[in-house]
Amino acid sequence: MTRKNDSFYFNGFARSAHCACEAARLLHDTMHDYDPALLRERMDAMHRIEQAADEVRHEMMDELVTAFITPFDREDIAQLSYVLDDVTDSIEGVLDRLYYDNVTVMRQDAIEMTDMIVRACEQIKELMSELPKFKRSASLRERVFSINTIETDADHMFITAMRTLHTTSNDALQVFAWHDVYRHLEQCADDCERVANTVDSIVMKNS
């Protein structure tokens, strides 16, 4: 059993992961049923999710300042809190770029990258559910490995998507726009992996 004080942090991590999953699902829905006219509405919904994620992080940092006992090092708690929040921020960034780069037609490879981000966020959510029992969890490292694998697949998809973009499009503005969007989709996958690697480091230090 974790101490009562510990549950505050673990619940916070779980709430942050939930926000990331909500953001990923909203991006997924936007990309799969793409309508540029609805982007402002989707951006407002995404911003509400991002604000909720920020609130969780702020609550955890406020508590950390005065906490006497923590489940592991304060620096590690702060780091995990920040990298979880980065996932939601990065997903919001993709939606913003679709809007201000004036993307009017969705590309299939971008949809596939978004699907990867959804899967990575779902794995992060499961990873956070395992974290309170990290010393005896049988599946925690499997979750870490799954996220690492998704990030590798997203990197390969990014390279293929960029190659296709630069060899098939004659519209310089669209090349610029999609370069921006693809790069931020890749950043989402990188941020998911950073969460997994941070958890892996915490487990190694405390085992």
N, C-alpha and C. Protein backbone atom coordinates (compact mmCIF):
# COMPACT_ATOMS: atom_id res chain seq x y z
N MET A 1 0.84 -1.19 0.00
CA MET A 1 0.00 0.00 0.00
C MET A 1 0.89 1.25 0.00
N THR A 2 0.49 2.28 -0.77
CA THR A 2 1.20 3.53 -0.72
C THR A 2 0.71 4.36 0.46
N ARG A 3 1.58 5.25 0.93
CA ARG A 3 1.17 6.14 2.01
C ARG A 3 0.12 7.12 1.49
N LYS A 4 -0.67 7.67 2.39
CA LYS A 4 -1.70 8.62 1.99
C LYS A 4 -1.10 9.80 1.27
N ASN A 5 0.05 10.28 1.75
CA ASN A 5 0.71 11.41 1.12
C ASN A 5 1.13 11.07 -0.32
N ASP A 6 1.54 9.85 -0.53
CA ASP A 6 1.96 9.43 -1.86
C ASP A 6 0.82 9.48 -2.86
N SER A 7 -0.39 9.15 -2.42
CA SER A 7 -1.51 9.03 -3.34
C SER A 7 -1.80 10.35 -4.04
N PHE A 8 -1.50 11.47 -3.38
CA PHE A 8 -1.73 12.77 -4.02
C PHE A 8 -0.92 12.88 -5.32
N TYR A 9 0.33 12.49 -5.28
CA TYR A 9 1.19 12.60 -6.45
C TYR A 9 0.78 11.60 -7.52
N PHE A 10 0.53 10.37 -7.12
CA PHE A 10 0.14 9.36 -8.09
C PHE A 10 -1.19 9.70 -8.75
N ASN A 11 -2.12 10.25 -7.97
CA ASN A 11 -3.38 10.70 -8.55
C ASN A 11 -3.15 11.85 -9.52
N GLY A 12 -2.23 12.73 -9.17
CA GLY A 12 -1.89 13.84 -10.05
C GLY A 12 -1.31 13.36 -11.37
N PHE A 13 -0.41 12.39 -11.30
CA PHE A 13 0.14 11.82 -12.53
C PHE A 13 -0.96 11.20 -13.38
N ALA A 14 -1.87 10.50 -12.73
CA ALA A 14 -2.97 9.86 -13.46
C ALA A 14 -3.88 10.90 -14.12
N ARG A 15 -4.14 11.98 -13.40
CA ARG A 15 -4.97 13.05 -13.97
C ARG A 15 -4.29 13.71 -15.16
N SER A 16 -2.98 13.91 -15.06
CA SER A 16 -2.23 14.48 -16.18
C SER A 16 -2.29 13.57 -17.40
N ALA A 17 -2.14 12.26 -17.16
CA ALA A 17 -2.22 11.30 -18.27
C ALA A 17 -3.61 11.31 -18.89
N HIS A 18 -4.63 11.47 -18.06
CA HIS A 18 -6.00 11.54 -18.56
C HIS A 18 -6.17 12.75 -19.48
N CYS A 19 -5.60 13.88 -19.10
CA CYS A 19 -5.67 15.09 -19.94
C CYS A 19 -4.98 14.84 -21.28
N ALA A 20 -3.83 14.18 -21.24
CA ALA A 20 -3.12 13.88 -22.49
C ALA A 20 -3.97 12.99 -23.39
N CYS A 21 -4.65 12.01 -22.80
CA CYS A 21 -5.52 11.12 -23.59
C CYS A 21 -6.69 11.89 -24.18
N GLU A 22 -7.28 12.79 -23.41
CA GLU A 22 -8.38 13.60 -23.91
C GLU A 22 -7.92 14.45 -25.09
N ALA A 23 -6.74 15.05 -24.94
CA ALA A 23 -6.20 15.89 -26.02
C ALA A 23 -5.93 15.06 -27.27
N ALA A 24 -5.36 13.88 -27.08
CA ALA A 24 -5.05 13.01 -28.22
C ALA A 24 -6.33 12.57 -28.92
N ARG A 25 -7.36 12.24 -28.16
CA ARG A 25 -8.62 11.82 -28.78
C ARG A 25 -9.28 12.98 -29.55
N LEU A 26 -9.17 14.19 -29.00
CA LEU A 26 -9.73 15.35 -29.70
C LEU A 26 -8.98 15.59 -31.01
N LEU A 27 -7.65 15.49 -30.97
CA LEU A 27 -6.88 15.64 -32.20
C LEU A 27 -7.24 14.54 -33.19
N HIS A 28 -7.38 13.32 -32.70
CA HIS A 28 -7.77 12.18 -33.54
C HIS A 28 -9.10 12.46 -34.25
N ASP A 29 -10.09 12.91 -33.49
CA ASP A 29 -11.41 13.17 -34.07
C ASP A 29 -11.34 14.30 -35.09
N THR A 30 -10.53 15.31 -34.79
CA THR A 30 -10.38 16.44 -35.71
C THR A 30 -9.75 15.99 -37.02
N MET A 31 -8.72 15.17 -36.94
CA MET A 31 -7.99 14.74 -38.13
C MET A 31 -8.82 13.75 -38.97
N HIS A 32 -9.53 12.85 -38.31
CA HIS A 32 -10.27 11.83 -39.03
C HIS A 32 -11.52 12.39 -39.73
N ASP A 33 -12.09 13.43 -39.18
CA ASP A 33 -13.27 14.05 -39.78
C ASP A 33 -12.96 15.53 -39.97
N TYR A 34 -11.98 15.80 -40.84
CA TYR A 34 -11.39 17.13 -40.90
C TYR A 34 -12.30 18.14 -41.58
N ASP A 35 -12.54 19.24 -40.85
CA ASP A 35 -13.33 20.35 -41.36
C ASP A 35 -12.68 21.64 -40.89
N PRO A 36 -11.98 22.36 -41.77
CA PRO A 36 -11.30 23.59 -41.35
C PRO A 36 -12.23 24.59 -40.67
N ALA A 37 -13.49 24.58 -41.02
CA ALA A 37 -14.45 25.53 -40.44
C ALA A 37 -14.67 25.27 -38.95
N LEU A 38 -14.35 24.06 -38.50
CA LEU A 38 -14.56 23.72 -37.09
C LEU A 38 -13.30 23.86 -36.24
N LEU A 39 -12.21 24.31 -36.84
CA LEU A 39 -10.94 24.33 -36.11
C LEU A 39 -10.96 25.26 -34.90
N ARG A 40 -11.56 26.43 -35.04
CA ARG A 40 -11.61 27.36 -33.89
C ARG A 40 -12.36 26.73 -32.72
N GLU A 41 -13.45 26.06 -33.00
CA GLU A 41 -14.23 25.38 -31.96
C GLU A 41 -13.39 24.27 -31.31
N ARG A 42 -12.69 23.49 -32.13
CA ARG A 42 -11.84 22.42 -31.61
C ARG A 42 -10.67 22.98 -30.80
N MET A 43 -10.12 24.11 -31.24
CA MET A 43 -9.02 24.75 -30.51
C MET A 43 -9.47 25.21 -29.13
N ASP A 44 -10.69 25.74 -29.05
CA ASP A 44 -11.21 26.17 -27.74
C ASP A 44 -11.36 24.98 -26.81
N ALA A 45 -11.87 23.86 -27.33
CA ALA A 45 -12.01 22.65 -26.52
C ALA A 45 -10.64 22.13 -26.09
N MET A 46 -9.68 22.17 -27.01
CA MET A 46 -8.33 21.71 -26.69
C MET A 46 -7.69 22.60 -25.63
N HIS A 47 -7.94 23.89 -25.72
CA HIS A 47 -7.34 24.80 -24.74
C HIS A 47 -7.89 24.54 -23.35
N ARG A 48 -9.15 24.17 -23.26
CA ARG A 48 -9.72 23.83 -21.95
C ARG A 48 -9.03 22.60 -21.36
N ILE A 49 -8.73 21.63 -22.20
CA ILE A 49 -7.99 20.44 -21.73
C ILE A 49 -6.60 20.84 -21.27
N GLU A 50 -5.94 21.70 -22.05
CA GLU A 50 -4.59 22.14 -21.70
C GLU A 50 -4.58 22.91 -20.40
N GLN A 51 -5.59 23.74 -20.16
CA GLN A 51 -5.67 24.49 -18.91
C GLN A 51 -5.88 23.54 -17.72
N ALA A 52 -6.69 22.51 -17.92
CA ALA A 52 -6.90 21.52 -16.86
C ALA A 52 -5.60 20.80 -16.54
N ALA A 53 -4.81 20.48 -17.57
CA ALA A 53 -3.52 19.83 -17.35
C ALA A 53 -2.57 20.75 -16.59
N ASP A 54 -2.57 22.03 -16.96
CA ASP A 54 -1.72 23.00 -16.25
C ASP A 54 -2.11 23.10 -14.78
N GLU A 55 -3.40 23.07 -14.52
CA GLU A 55 -3.88 23.17 -13.13
C GLU A 55 -3.39 21.99 -12.30
N VAL A 56 -3.42 20.80 -12.88
CA VAL A 56 -2.91 19.63 -12.18
C VAL A 56 -1.43 19.81 -11.84
N ARG A 57 -0.66 20.26 -12.82
CA ARG A 57 0.78 20.45 -12.59
C ARG A 57 1.04 21.50 -11.52
N HIS A 58 0.30 22.59 -11.57
CA HIS A 58 0.48 23.64 -10.57
C HIS A 58 0.14 23.15 -9.17
N GLU A 59 -0.93 22.37 -9.05
CA GLU A 59 -1.31 21.81 -7.75
C GLU A 59 -0.19 20.92 -7.20
N MET A 60 0.40 20.13 -8.08
CA MET A 60 1.46 19.23 -7.64
C MET A 60 2.70 20.00 -7.22
N MET A 61 3.03 21.04 -7.97
CA MET A 61 4.21 21.84 -7.62
C MET A 61 3.99 22.59 -6.30
N ASP A 62 2.79 23.10 -6.09
CA ASP A 62 2.47 23.78 -4.83
C ASP A 62 2.61 22.84 -3.65
N GLU A 63 2.12 21.61 -3.81
CA GLU A 63 2.21 20.63 -2.74
C GLU A 63 3.65 20.21 -2.50
N LEU A 64 4.41 20.11 -3.57
CA LEU A 64 5.79 19.64 -3.47
C LEU A 64 6.65 20.60 -2.66
N VAL A 65 6.33 21.88 -2.72
CA VAL A 65 7.12 22.88 -1.99
C VAL A 65 7.08 22.64 -0.49
N THR A 66 5.95 22.20 0.03
CA THR A 66 5.78 22.06 1.48
C THR A 66 5.79 20.60 1.96
N ALA A 67 5.87 19.66 1.03
CA ALA A 67 5.77 18.25 1.41
C ALA A 67 6.97 17.82 2.25
N PHE A 68 6.69 17.02 3.25
CA PHE A 68 7.76 16.48 4.11
C PHE A 68 8.22 15.12 3.60
N ILE A 69 7.25 14.32 3.16
CA ILE A 69 7.55 12.98 2.65
C ILE A 69 7.01 12.86 1.23
N THR A 70 7.82 12.35 0.34
CA THR A 70 7.40 12.13 -1.05
C THR A 70 7.72 10.70 -1.46
N PRO A 71 6.99 10.15 -2.46
CA PRO A 71 7.21 8.74 -2.82
C PRO A 71 8.57 8.48 -3.46
N PHE A 72 9.15 9.49 -4.10
CA PHE A 72 10.52 9.44 -4.60
C PHE A 72 11.05 10.86 -4.69
N ASP A 73 12.24 11.05 -5.18
CA ASP A 73 12.90 12.35 -5.14
C ASP A 73 12.02 13.47 -5.68
N ARG A 74 12.10 14.63 -5.02
CA ARG A 74 11.31 15.79 -5.44
C ARG A 74 11.61 16.16 -6.90
N GLU A 75 12.89 16.11 -7.25
CA GLU A 75 13.28 16.47 -8.62
C GLU A 75 12.62 15.55 -9.64
N ASP A 76 12.49 14.27 -9.29
CA ASP A 76 11.86 13.31 -10.20
C ASP A 76 10.36 13.53 -10.31
N ILE A 77 9.74 13.88 -9.20
CA ILE A 77 8.31 14.21 -9.23
C ILE A 77 8.06 15.43 -10.11
N ALA A 78 8.89 16.45 -9.93
CA ALA A 78 8.74 17.66 -10.74
C ALA A 78 8.97 17.35 -12.22
N GLN A 79 10.01 16.55 -12.51
CA GLN A 79 10.32 16.22 -13.90
C GLN A 79 9.19 15.45 -14.56
N LEU A 80 8.65 14.46 -13.86
CA LEU A 80 7.57 13.67 -14.44
C LEU A 80 6.32 14.52 -14.65
N SER A 81 6.07 15.42 -13.71
CA SER A 81 4.93 16.31 -13.85
C SER A 81 5.06 17.19 -15.09
N TYR A 82 6.26 17.70 -15.31
CA TYR A 82 6.49 18.58 -16.46
C TYR A 82 6.41 17.82 -17.78
N VAL A 83 7.01 16.65 -17.86
CA VAL A 83 7.00 15.93 -19.14
C VAL A 83 5.60 15.43 -19.48
N LEU A 84 4.80 15.09 -18.47
CA LEU A 84 3.41 14.73 -18.74
C LEU A 84 2.64 15.93 -19.31
N ASP A 85 2.86 17.08 -18.73
CA ASP A 85 2.19 18.29 -19.21
C ASP A 85 2.65 18.65 -20.62
N ASP A 86 3.92 18.37 -20.93
CA ASP A 86 4.44 18.66 -22.27
C ASP A 86 3.68 17.90 -23.35
N VAL A 87 3.22 16.68 -23.04
CA VAL A 87 2.49 15.89 -24.03
C VAL A 87 1.21 16.63 -24.44
N THR A 88 0.45 17.10 -23.48
CA THR A 88 -0.77 17.83 -23.79
C THR A 88 -0.46 19.12 -24.53
N ASP A 89 0.58 19.84 -24.11
CA ASP A 89 0.96 21.08 -24.79
C ASP A 89 1.31 20.82 -26.25
N SER A 90 2.06 19.76 -26.51
CA SER A 90 2.47 19.45 -27.88
C SER A 90 1.29 19.08 -28.76
N ILE A 91 0.35 18.34 -28.20
CA ILE A 91 -0.84 17.97 -28.97
C ILE A 91 -1.65 19.22 -29.32
N GLU A 92 -1.78 20.12 -28.36
CA GLU A 92 -2.46 21.39 -28.65
C GLU A 92 -1.73 22.14 -29.77
N GLY A 93 -0.41 22.06 -29.76
CA GLY A 93 0.38 22.75 -30.78
C GLY A 93 0.08 22.27 -32.18
N VAL A 94 -0.21 20.99 -32.35
CA VAL A 94 -0.55 20.46 -33.67
C VAL A 94 -1.84 21.11 -34.18
N LEU A 95 -2.82 21.17 -33.31
CA LEU A 95 -4.11 21.76 -33.72
C LEU A 95 -3.93 23.24 -34.07
N ASP A 96 -3.14 23.95 -33.29
CA ASP A 96 -2.87 25.37 -33.57
C ASP A 96 -2.26 25.53 -34.96
N ARG A 97 -1.35 24.65 -35.31
CA ARG A 97 -0.65 24.77 -36.60
C ARG A 97 -1.57 24.43 -37.77
N LEU A 98 -2.46 23.51 -37.59
CA LEU A 98 -3.45 23.25 -38.64
C LEU A 98 -4.25 24.51 -38.93
N TYR A 99 -4.50 25.29 -37.88
CA TYR A 99 -5.29 26.51 -38.03
C TYR A 99 -4.50 27.64 -38.67
N TYR A 100 -3.35 27.99 -38.07
CA TYR A 100 -2.68 29.19 -38.58
C TYR A 100 -1.83 28.93 -39.82
N ASP A 101 -1.53 27.66 -40.13
CA ASP A 101 -0.91 27.36 -41.42
C ASP A 101 -1.95 27.14 -42.52
N ASN A 102 -3.24 27.28 -42.14
CA ASN A 102 -4.36 27.21 -43.08
C ASN A 102 -4.37 25.90 -43.87
N VAL A 103 -4.28 24.80 -43.12
CA VAL A 103 -4.39 23.48 -43.74
C VAL A 103 -5.85 23.24 -44.10
N THR A 104 -6.11 22.97 -45.36
CA THR A 104 -7.50 22.81 -45.81
C THR A 104 -7.86 21.37 -46.15
N VAL A 105 -6.84 20.54 -46.44
CA VAL A 105 -7.09 19.14 -46.79
C VAL A 105 -6.17 18.26 -45.95
N MET A 106 -6.73 17.24 -45.32
CA MET A 106 -5.96 16.35 -44.46
C MET A 106 -5.19 15.34 -45.30
N ARG A 107 -4.05 14.92 -44.76
CA ARG A 107 -3.21 13.92 -45.41
C ARG A 107 -3.26 12.62 -44.60
N GLN A 108 -3.28 11.50 -45.30
CA GLN A 108 -3.44 10.20 -44.65
C GLN A 108 -2.31 9.88 -43.69
N ASP A 109 -1.08 10.23 -44.06
CA ASP A 109 0.03 9.90 -43.16
C ASP A 109 -0.02 10.70 -41.86
N ALA A 110 -0.60 11.90 -41.92
CA ALA A 110 -0.78 12.67 -40.69
C ALA A 110 -1.82 12.01 -39.79
N ILE A 111 -2.85 11.46 -40.38
CA ILE A 111 -3.86 10.73 -39.61
C ILE A 111 -3.21 9.52 -38.93
N GLU A 112 -2.37 8.81 -39.67
CA GLU A 112 -1.70 7.64 -39.09
C GLU A 112 -0.77 8.03 -37.95
N MET A 113 -0.07 9.14 -38.08
CA MET A 113 0.77 9.61 -36.99
C MET A 113 -0.07 9.97 -35.76
N THR A 114 -1.23 10.57 -36.01
CA THR A 114 -2.12 10.91 -34.90
C THR A 114 -2.62 9.66 -34.19
N ASP A 115 -2.92 8.62 -34.96
CA ASP A 115 -3.33 7.35 -34.35
C ASP A 115 -2.23 6.79 -33.45
N MET A 116 -0.98 6.96 -33.87
CA MET A 116 0.14 6.51 -33.04
C MET A 116 0.20 7.29 -31.73
N ILE A 117 -0.06 8.58 -31.80
CA ILE A 117 -0.05 9.42 -30.60
C ILE A 117 -1.15 8.99 -29.63
N VAL A 118 -2.31 8.67 -30.17
CA VAL A 118 -3.40 8.18 -29.32
C VAL A 118 -2.96 6.91 -28.59
N ARG A 119 -2.35 5.98 -29.33
CA ARG A 119 -1.91 4.73 -28.71
C ARG A 119 -0.84 5.00 -27.65
N ALA A 120 0.07 5.90 -27.93
CA ALA A 120 1.11 6.22 -26.95
C ALA A 120 0.51 6.83 -25.69
N CYS A 121 -0.47 7.71 -25.85
CA CYS A 121 -1.11 8.32 -24.68
C CYS A 121 -1.89 7.29 -23.87
N GLU A 122 -2.51 6.35 -24.54
CA GLU A 122 -3.21 5.28 -23.83
C GLU A 122 -2.23 4.44 -23.02
N GLN A 123 -1.06 4.21 -23.59
CA GLN A 123 -0.03 3.47 -22.86
C GLN A 123 0.48 4.28 -21.68
N ILE A 124 0.60 5.59 -21.84
CA ILE A 124 1.01 6.45 -20.72
C ILE A 124 -0.02 6.37 -19.60
N LYS A 125 -1.29 6.38 -19.96
CA LYS A 125 -2.34 6.28 -18.94
C LYS A 125 -2.22 4.98 -18.16
N GLU A 126 -1.96 3.88 -18.87
CA GLU A 126 -1.77 2.60 -18.21
C GLU A 126 -0.49 2.61 -17.37
N LEU A 127 0.53 3.26 -17.88
CA LEU A 127 1.80 3.36 -17.16
C LEU A 127 1.62 4.09 -15.83
N MET A 128 0.83 5.16 -15.84
CA MET A 128 0.59 5.90 -14.60
C MET A 128 -0.24 5.08 -13.61
N SER A 129 -1.09 4.20 -14.12
CA SER A 129 -1.87 3.35 -13.21
C SER A 129 -0.98 2.31 -12.54
N GLU A 130 0.13 1.95 -13.20
CA GLU A 130 1.08 0.98 -12.64
C GLU A 130 2.10 1.63 -11.72
N LEU A 131 2.28 2.92 -11.84
CA LEU A 131 3.36 3.60 -11.12
C LEU A 131 3.30 3.47 -9.60
N PRO A 132 2.11 3.52 -8.97
CA PRO A 132 2.09 3.38 -7.51
C PRO A 132 2.68 2.07 -7.00
N LYS A 133 2.66 1.05 -7.83
CA LYS A 133 3.20 -0.25 -7.42
C LYS A 133 4.43 -0.61 -8.27
N PHE A 134 5.23 0.41 -8.59
CA PHE A 134 6.32 0.21 -9.54
C PHE A 134 7.34 -0.82 -9.08
N LYS A 135 7.48 -1.04 -7.76
CA LYS A 135 8.49 -1.99 -7.27
C LYS A 135 8.08 -3.44 -7.50
N ARG A 136 6.81 -3.66 -7.78
CA ARG A 136 6.36 -5.04 -7.97
C ARG A 136 5.49 -5.22 -9.22
N SER A 137 5.44 -4.19 -10.06
CA SER A 137 4.61 -4.27 -11.26
C SER A 137 5.25 -5.19 -12.29
N ALA A 138 4.43 -6.07 -12.84
CA ALA A 138 4.92 -7.00 -13.86
C ALA A 138 4.83 -6.41 -15.26
N SER A 139 4.04 -5.36 -15.43
CA SER A 139 3.79 -4.85 -16.78
C SER A 139 4.34 -3.45 -17.02
N LEU A 140 4.89 -2.81 -16.00
CA LEU A 140 5.33 -1.43 -16.16
C LEU A 140 6.37 -1.28 -17.26
N ARG A 141 7.37 -2.13 -17.26
CA ARG A 141 8.42 -2.01 -18.27
C ARG A 141 7.89 -2.38 -19.67
N GLU A 142 6.87 -3.21 -19.73
CA GLU A 142 6.25 -3.51 -21.02
C GLU A 142 5.59 -2.25 -21.59
N ARG A 143 4.98 -1.45 -20.71
CA ARG A 143 4.38 -0.18 -21.14
C ARG A 143 5.46 0.77 -21.65
N VAL A 144 6.56 0.84 -20.93
CA VAL A 144 7.67 1.70 -21.35
C VAL A 144 8.16 1.27 -22.74
N PHE A 145 8.34 -0.03 -22.91
CA PHE A 145 8.82 -0.55 -24.20
C PHE A 145 7.82 -0.26 -25.31
N SER A 146 6.54 -0.38 -25.02
CA SER A 146 5.51 -0.12 -26.03
C SER A 146 5.55 1.33 -26.50
N ILE A 147 5.73 2.25 -25.56
CA ILE A 147 5.81 3.67 -25.92
C ILE A 147 7.06 3.94 -26.73
N ASN A 148 8.18 3.35 -26.34
CA ASN A 148 9.42 3.49 -27.11
C ASN A 148 9.22 3.00 -28.55
N THR A 149 8.53 1.88 -28.70
CA THR A 149 8.29 1.32 -30.03
C THR A 149 7.41 2.22 -30.87
N ILE A 150 6.37 2.78 -30.26
CA ILE A 150 5.49 3.70 -30.98
C ILE A 150 6.27 4.93 -31.44
N GLU A 151 7.15 5.43 -30.59
CA GLU A 151 7.95 6.60 -30.97
C GLU A 151 8.85 6.28 -32.15
N THR A 152 9.45 5.11 -32.15
CA THR A 152 10.30 4.69 -33.27
C THR A 152 9.48 4.60 -34.56
N ASP A 153 8.28 4.01 -34.47
CA ASP A 153 7.41 3.91 -35.64
C ASP A 153 7.00 5.30 -36.14
N ALA A 154 6.75 6.22 -35.21
CA ALA A 154 6.38 7.58 -35.59
C ALA A 154 7.54 8.29 -36.29
N ASP A 155 8.77 8.04 -35.84
CA ASP A 155 9.94 8.60 -36.52
C ASP A 155 10.03 8.12 -37.96
N HIS A 156 9.81 6.82 -38.16
CA HIS A 156 9.85 6.27 -39.51
C HIS A 156 8.74 6.86 -40.38
N MET A 157 7.56 7.00 -39.78
CA MET A 157 6.44 7.59 -40.51
C MET A 157 6.73 9.04 -40.88
N PHE A 158 7.37 9.76 -39.97
CA PHE A 158 7.74 11.16 -40.22
C PHE A 158 8.66 11.27 -41.43
N ILE A 159 9.67 10.42 -41.47
CA ILE A 159 10.62 10.44 -42.60
C ILE A 159 9.90 10.15 -43.92
N THR A 160 9.05 9.13 -43.90
CA THR A 160 8.30 8.77 -45.11
C THR A 160 7.36 9.90 -45.53
N ALA A 161 6.68 10.49 -44.55
CA ALA A 161 5.73 11.57 -44.85
C ALA A 161 6.44 12.79 -45.43
N MET A 162 7.59 13.13 -44.86
CA MET A 162 8.34 14.28 -45.36
C MET A 162 8.87 14.03 -46.76
N ARG A 163 9.34 12.82 -47.01
CA ARG A 163 9.81 12.46 -48.35
C ARG A 163 8.67 12.58 -49.37
N THR A 164 7.53 12.04 -49.03
CA THR A 164 6.37 12.12 -49.92
C THR A 164 5.96 13.57 -50.17
N LEU A 165 5.94 14.35 -49.12
CA LEU A 165 5.57 15.76 -49.23
C LEU A 165 6.48 16.50 -50.20
N HIS A 166 7.79 16.32 -50.04
CA HIS A 166 8.75 17.08 -50.83
C HIS A 166 8.90 16.56 -52.25
N THR A 167 8.43 15.35 -52.52
CA THR A 167 8.58 14.80 -53.88
C THR A 167 7.28 14.83 -54.67
N THR A 168 6.17 15.18 -54.03
CA THR A 168 4.89 15.15 -54.74
C THR A 168 4.17 16.50 -54.75
N SER A 169 4.55 17.42 -53.88
CA SER A 169 3.83 18.69 -53.81
C SER A 169 4.62 19.80 -54.50
N ASN A 170 3.90 20.58 -55.34
CA ASN A 170 4.50 21.72 -56.03
C ASN A 170 4.07 23.04 -55.41
N ASP A 171 3.31 22.96 -54.33
CA ASP A 171 2.80 24.15 -53.66
C ASP A 171 3.72 24.47 -52.48
N ALA A 172 4.51 25.51 -52.61
CA ALA A 172 5.50 25.84 -51.59
C ALA A 172 4.85 26.15 -50.24
N LEU A 173 3.70 26.79 -50.26
CA LEU A 173 3.03 27.13 -49.01
C LEU A 173 2.55 25.88 -48.30
N GLN A 174 2.04 24.92 -49.06
CA GLN A 174 1.59 23.67 -48.45
C GLN A 174 2.77 22.84 -47.93
N VAL A 175 3.87 22.87 -48.64
CA VAL A 175 5.07 22.19 -48.15
C VAL A 175 5.49 22.79 -46.82
N PHE A 176 5.50 24.11 -46.74
CA PHE A 176 5.87 24.78 -45.49
C PHE A 176 4.89 24.41 -44.37
N ALA A 177 3.60 24.47 -44.69
CA ALA A 177 2.57 24.19 -43.68
C ALA A 177 2.69 22.78 -43.15
N TRP A 178 2.81 21.82 -44.05
CA TRP A 178 2.85 20.43 -43.62
C TRP A 178 4.17 20.06 -42.96
N HIS A 179 5.25 20.71 -43.36
CA HIS A 179 6.51 20.52 -42.64
C HIS A 179 6.32 20.87 -41.17
N ASP A 180 5.64 21.98 -40.91
CA ASP A 180 5.35 22.43 -39.55
C ASP A 180 4.48 21.42 -38.80
N VAL A 181 3.42 20.95 -39.45
CA VAL A 181 2.50 20.02 -38.81
C VAL A 181 3.17 18.68 -38.52
N TYR A 182 3.87 18.14 -39.52
CA TYR A 182 4.56 16.86 -39.31
C TYR A 182 5.58 16.95 -38.19
N ARG A 183 6.33 18.04 -38.17
CA ARG A 183 7.36 18.18 -37.13
C ARG A 183 6.73 18.19 -35.74
N HIS A 184 5.58 18.79 -35.60
CA HIS A 184 4.95 18.83 -34.28
C HIS A 184 4.25 17.52 -33.94
N LEU A 185 3.79 16.80 -34.92
CA LEU A 185 3.30 15.45 -34.65
C LEU A 185 4.44 14.57 -34.15
N GLU A 186 5.59 14.70 -34.78
CA GLU A 186 6.75 13.94 -34.31
C GLU A 186 7.12 14.36 -32.88
N GLN A 187 7.01 15.65 -32.57
CA GLN A 187 7.31 16.13 -31.23
C GLN A 187 6.38 15.50 -30.20
N CYS A 188 5.12 15.32 -30.56
CA CYS A 188 4.18 14.66 -29.64
C CYS A 188 4.68 13.26 -29.28
N ALA A 189 5.12 12.51 -30.30
CA ALA A 189 5.63 11.16 -30.05
C ALA A 189 6.89 11.20 -29.20
N ASP A 190 7.77 12.18 -29.49
CA ASP A 190 8.99 12.33 -28.68
C ASP A 190 8.65 12.62 -27.23
N ASP A 191 7.65 13.46 -27.00
CA ASP A 191 7.27 13.81 -25.63
C ASP A 191 6.66 12.62 -24.90
N CYS A 192 5.93 11.79 -25.62
CA CYS A 192 5.40 10.56 -25.01
C CYS A 192 6.55 9.65 -24.58
N GLU A 193 7.55 9.53 -25.44
CA GLU A 193 8.70 8.70 -25.08
C GLU A 193 9.44 9.29 -23.89
N ARG A 194 9.50 10.61 -23.79
CA ARG A 194 10.18 11.24 -22.66
C ARG A 194 9.49 10.88 -21.35
N VAL A 195 8.16 10.78 -21.37
CA VAL A 195 7.44 10.32 -20.17
C VAL A 195 7.88 8.90 -19.81
N ALA A 196 7.90 8.03 -20.80
CA ALA A 196 8.28 6.63 -20.56
C ALA A 196 9.70 6.54 -20.01
N ASN A 197 10.62 7.31 -20.60
CA ASN A 197 12.00 7.27 -20.16
C ASN A 197 12.17 7.84 -18.76
N THR A 198 11.38 8.85 -18.44
CA THR A 198 11.43 9.43 -17.09
C THR A 198 10.96 8.42 -16.06
N VAL A 199 9.88 7.72 -16.35
CA VAL A 199 9.39 6.68 -15.45
C VAL A 199 10.43 5.58 -15.32
N ASP A 200 11.02 5.18 -16.42
CA ASP A 200 12.05 4.13 -16.40
C ASP A 200 13.20 4.54 -15.50
N SER A 201 13.63 5.79 -15.59
CA SER A 201 14.72 6.28 -14.75
C SER A 201 14.34 6.28 -13.28
N ILE A 202 13.12 6.69 -12.98
CA ILE A 202 12.64 6.71 -11.59
C ILE A 202 12.63 5.31 -11.00
N VAL A 203 12.14 4.36 -11.79
CA VAL A 203 12.08 2.97 -11.33
C VAL A 203 13.49 2.44 -11.06
N MET A 204 14.41 2.71 -11.96
CA MET A 204 15.79 2.23 -11.79
C MET A 204 16.42 2.82 -10.54
N LYS A 205 16.15 4.08 -10.26
CA LYS A 205 16.75 4.74 -9.11
C LYS A 205 16.18 4.25 -7.78
N ASN A 206 14.95 3.76 -7.82
CA ASN A 206 14.25 3.42 -6.58
C ASN A 206 14.01 1.93 -6.41
N SER A 207 14.65 1.11 -7.23
CA SER A 207 14.47 -0.34 -7.13
C SER A 207 15.60 -0.96 -6.32
